[in-house]
């Protein structure tokens, strides 16, 4: 059983999009649990950004109706086998919180996308709606690379 947590800043755009894509692709993968959280998510559970939801819907991905944002919690570092940050700042936030013996679980999502290792999935929040489609393209590439990597097979 392998569990993956996707992390962005507020958990209302990129990480819930990654959660939805991964859940759609769970069959045939080594991953049995996919969730998302925010490194700096607010205390109230927010709904996914409408532009992110629209981008997901255009590609036939769905989030649970009751889905709400949440902040990364200390127990997440033990619970999830792999914690994938959307950008370097999110990764740095996670590294500060994560116990030393679990640091190897932290990575950037695009480390798994051929030719994109070390790159960020940009935050589309302050840009035009088309940015959400570009972000979804990158997320799909990262998740497909993760599925093909065999990274979770040995866990």
Protein backbone atom coordinates (compact mmCIF):
# COMPACT_ATOMS: atom_id res chain seq x y z
CA UNK A 1 0.00 0.00 0.00
CA UNK A 2 1.46 3.36 -1.02
CA UNK A 3 0.08 6.74 -0.02
CA UNK A 4 0.88 10.06 -1.69
CA UNK A 5 0.21 13.58 -0.42
CA UNK A 6 0.31 16.51 -2.85
CA UNK A 7 1.19 19.88 -1.33
CA UNK A 8 0.88 23.45 -2.62
CA UNK A 9 0.58 26.70 -0.72
CA UNK A 10 -3.11 27.07 0.18
CA UNK A 11 -4.50 23.74 -1.05
CA UNK A 12 -7.13 25.32 -3.29
CA UNK A 13 -5.57 25.03 -6.77
CA UNK A 14 -2.57 22.88 -7.64
CA UNK A 15 -2.58 20.19 -4.98
CA UNK A 16 -6.30 19.40 -5.22
CA UNK A 17 -5.87 19.23 -9.00
CA UNK A 18 -3.04 16.71 -8.51
CA UNK A 19 -5.19 14.76 -6.04
CA UNK A 20 -8.01 14.51 -8.59
CA UNK A 21 -5.69 13.40 -11.39
CA UNK A 22 -4.00 10.79 -9.22
CA UNK A 23 -7.31 9.41 -7.98
CA UNK A 24 -8.47 9.03 -11.57
CA UNK A 25 -5.31 7.07 -12.31
CA UNK A 26 -5.20 4.90 -9.17
CA UNK A 27 -6.30 1.75 -10.99
CA UNK A 28 -3.18 0.08 -12.31
CA UNK A 29 -0.81 2.03 -10.08
CA UNK A 30 1.05 1.17 -6.88
CA UNK A 31 -0.72 4.08 -5.17
CA UNK A 32 -3.75 3.30 -3.04
CA UNK A 33 -4.26 6.65 -1.31
CA UNK A 34 -3.96 10.16 -2.73
CA UNK A 35 -4.74 13.33 -0.80
CA UNK A 36 -3.71 16.97 -0.81
CA UNK A 37 -2.85 19.65 1.71
CA UNK A 38 -1.42 23.14 1.88
CA UNK A 39 1.86 24.18 3.44
CA UNK A 40 0.17 27.43 4.50
CA UNK A 41 -3.54 26.63 4.16
CA UNK A 42 -5.90 28.67 6.29
CA UNK A 43 -7.65 27.24 9.35
CA UNK A 44 -11.07 27.07 7.65
CA UNK A 45 -11.54 24.41 5.02
CA UNK A 46 -12.00 26.23 1.73
CA UNK A 47 -13.50 24.87 -1.49
CA UNK A 48 -11.33 24.38 -4.55
CA UNK A 49 -10.81 27.49 -6.70
CA UNK A 50 -13.57 27.69 -9.34
CA UNK A 51 -11.01 27.99 -12.16
CA UNK A 52 -9.22 24.85 -10.97
CA UNK A 53 -12.55 23.02 -10.76
CA UNK A 54 -13.42 24.14 -14.30
CA UNK A 55 -10.06 22.95 -15.67
CA UNK A 56 -10.57 19.57 -13.98
CA UNK A 57 -14.10 19.29 -15.32
CA UNK A 58 -12.98 20.02 -18.89
CA UNK A 59 -10.73 16.95 -18.66
CA UNK A 60 -13.29 14.81 -16.86
CA UNK A 61 -11.58 14.73 -13.45
CA UNK A 62 -13.59 15.13 -10.27
CA UNK A 63 -13.07 15.94 -6.63
CA UNK A 64 -15.37 14.68 -3.90
CA UNK A 65 -18.30 17.02 -3.28
CA UNK A 66 -17.31 17.37 0.39
CA UNK A 67 -13.64 18.16 -0.46
CA UNK A 68 -12.14 21.02 1.62
CA UNK A 69 -8.64 22.41 1.92
CA UNK A 70 -6.47 21.57 4.89
CA UNK A 71 -3.02 22.36 6.24
CA UNK A 72 -0.19 19.82 6.36
CA UNK A 73 -0.19 18.15 9.78
CA UNK A 74 2.67 16.54 11.70
CA UNK A 75 1.15 13.06 11.31
CA UNK A 76 1.19 13.40 7.50
CA UNK A 77 4.94 12.80 7.49
CA UNK A 78 4.41 9.33 8.97
CA UNK A 79 1.15 8.54 7.15
CA UNK A 80 2.27 9.22 3.57
CA UNK A 81 5.01 7.32 1.76
CA UNK A 82 5.66 10.20 -0.60
CA UNK A 83 4.91 13.89 -0.15
CA UNK A 84 5.10 15.82 -3.41
CA UNK A 85 5.45 19.60 -3.35
CA UNK A 86 4.32 21.74 -6.25
CA UNK A 87 7.17 24.26 -5.93
CA UNK A 88 10.51 24.78 -4.21
CA UNK A 89 9.01 27.07 -1.54
CA UNK A 90 6.47 24.40 -0.57
CA UNK A 91 9.28 21.86 -0.42
CA UNK A 92 11.32 24.14 1.85
CA UNK A 93 8.29 24.60 4.14
CA UNK A 94 7.89 20.82 4.33
CA UNK A 95 11.58 20.23 4.99
CA UNK A 96 11.43 22.56 8.00
CA UNK A 97 8.49 20.63 9.49
CA UNK A 98 9.48 17.07 8.61
CA UNK A 99 11.43 14.90 11.05
CA UNK A 100 14.99 14.19 9.85
CA UNK A 101 14.40 10.44 9.44
CA UNK A 102 11.49 11.06 7.02
CA UNK A 103 13.06 13.74 4.79
CA UNK A 104 13.55 11.20 1.97
CA UNK A 105 9.76 11.15 1.49
CA UNK A 106 9.77 14.78 0.30
CA UNK A 107 10.13 15.59 -3.40
CA UNK A 108 8.93 17.98 -6.07
CA UNK A 109 6.17 16.55 -8.27
CA UNK A 110 7.99 17.53 -11.44
CA UNK A 111 11.06 15.54 -10.37
CA UNK A 112 9.12 12.65 -11.91
CA UNK A 113 8.33 14.38 -15.22
CA UNK A 114 10.97 13.68 -17.87
CA UNK A 115 12.90 16.84 -18.64
CA UNK A 116 11.28 18.86 -15.83
CA UNK A 117 13.15 17.70 -12.71
CA UNK A 118 13.73 20.50 -10.22
CA UNK A 119 11.10 22.75 -11.78
CA UNK A 120 8.02 24.22 -10.12
CA UNK A 121 4.39 23.78 -11.04
CA UNK A 122 3.63 27.52 -11.13
CA UNK A 123 0.86 28.98 -9.00
CA UNK A 124 -1.96 29.98 -11.37
CA UNK A 125 -4.02 31.77 -8.71
CA UNK A 126 -3.18 35.37 -9.65
CA UNK A 127 -3.19 34.78 -13.40
CA UNK A 128 -5.76 34.13 -16.12
CA UNK A 129 -7.94 31.04 -16.23
CA UNK A 130 -5.80 29.58 -19.03
CA UNK A 131 -2.99 29.18 -16.50
CA UNK A 132 -4.97 26.44 -14.79
CA UNK A 133 -4.95 24.38 -17.98
CA UNK A 134 -1.16 24.78 -18.26
CA UNK A 135 -0.81 23.71 -14.61
CA UNK A 136 -2.99 20.69 -15.26
CA UNK A 137 -0.74 19.73 -18.20
CA UNK A 138 2.29 19.80 -15.88
CA UNK A 139 0.50 17.86 -13.15
CA UNK A 140 -0.51 15.16 -15.62
CA UNK A 141 3.11 14.86 -16.79
CA UNK A 142 4.38 14.60 -13.22
CA UNK A 143 1.83 11.99 -12.20
CA UNK A 144 2.38 9.91 -15.32
CA UNK A 145 6.12 10.00 -14.65
CA UNK A 146 5.50 8.96 -11.05
CA UNK A 147 3.36 6.04 -12.16
CA UNK A 148 6.01 4.88 -14.61
CA UNK A 149 8.96 5.42 -12.25
CA UNK A 150 8.31 2.39 -10.06
CA UNK A 151 9.35 4.66 -7.18
CA UNK A 152 6.59 3.37 -4.94
CA UNK A 153 6.77 -0.30 -5.93
CA UNK A 154 9.41 -1.14 -3.32
CA UNK A 155 7.68 0.61 -0.40
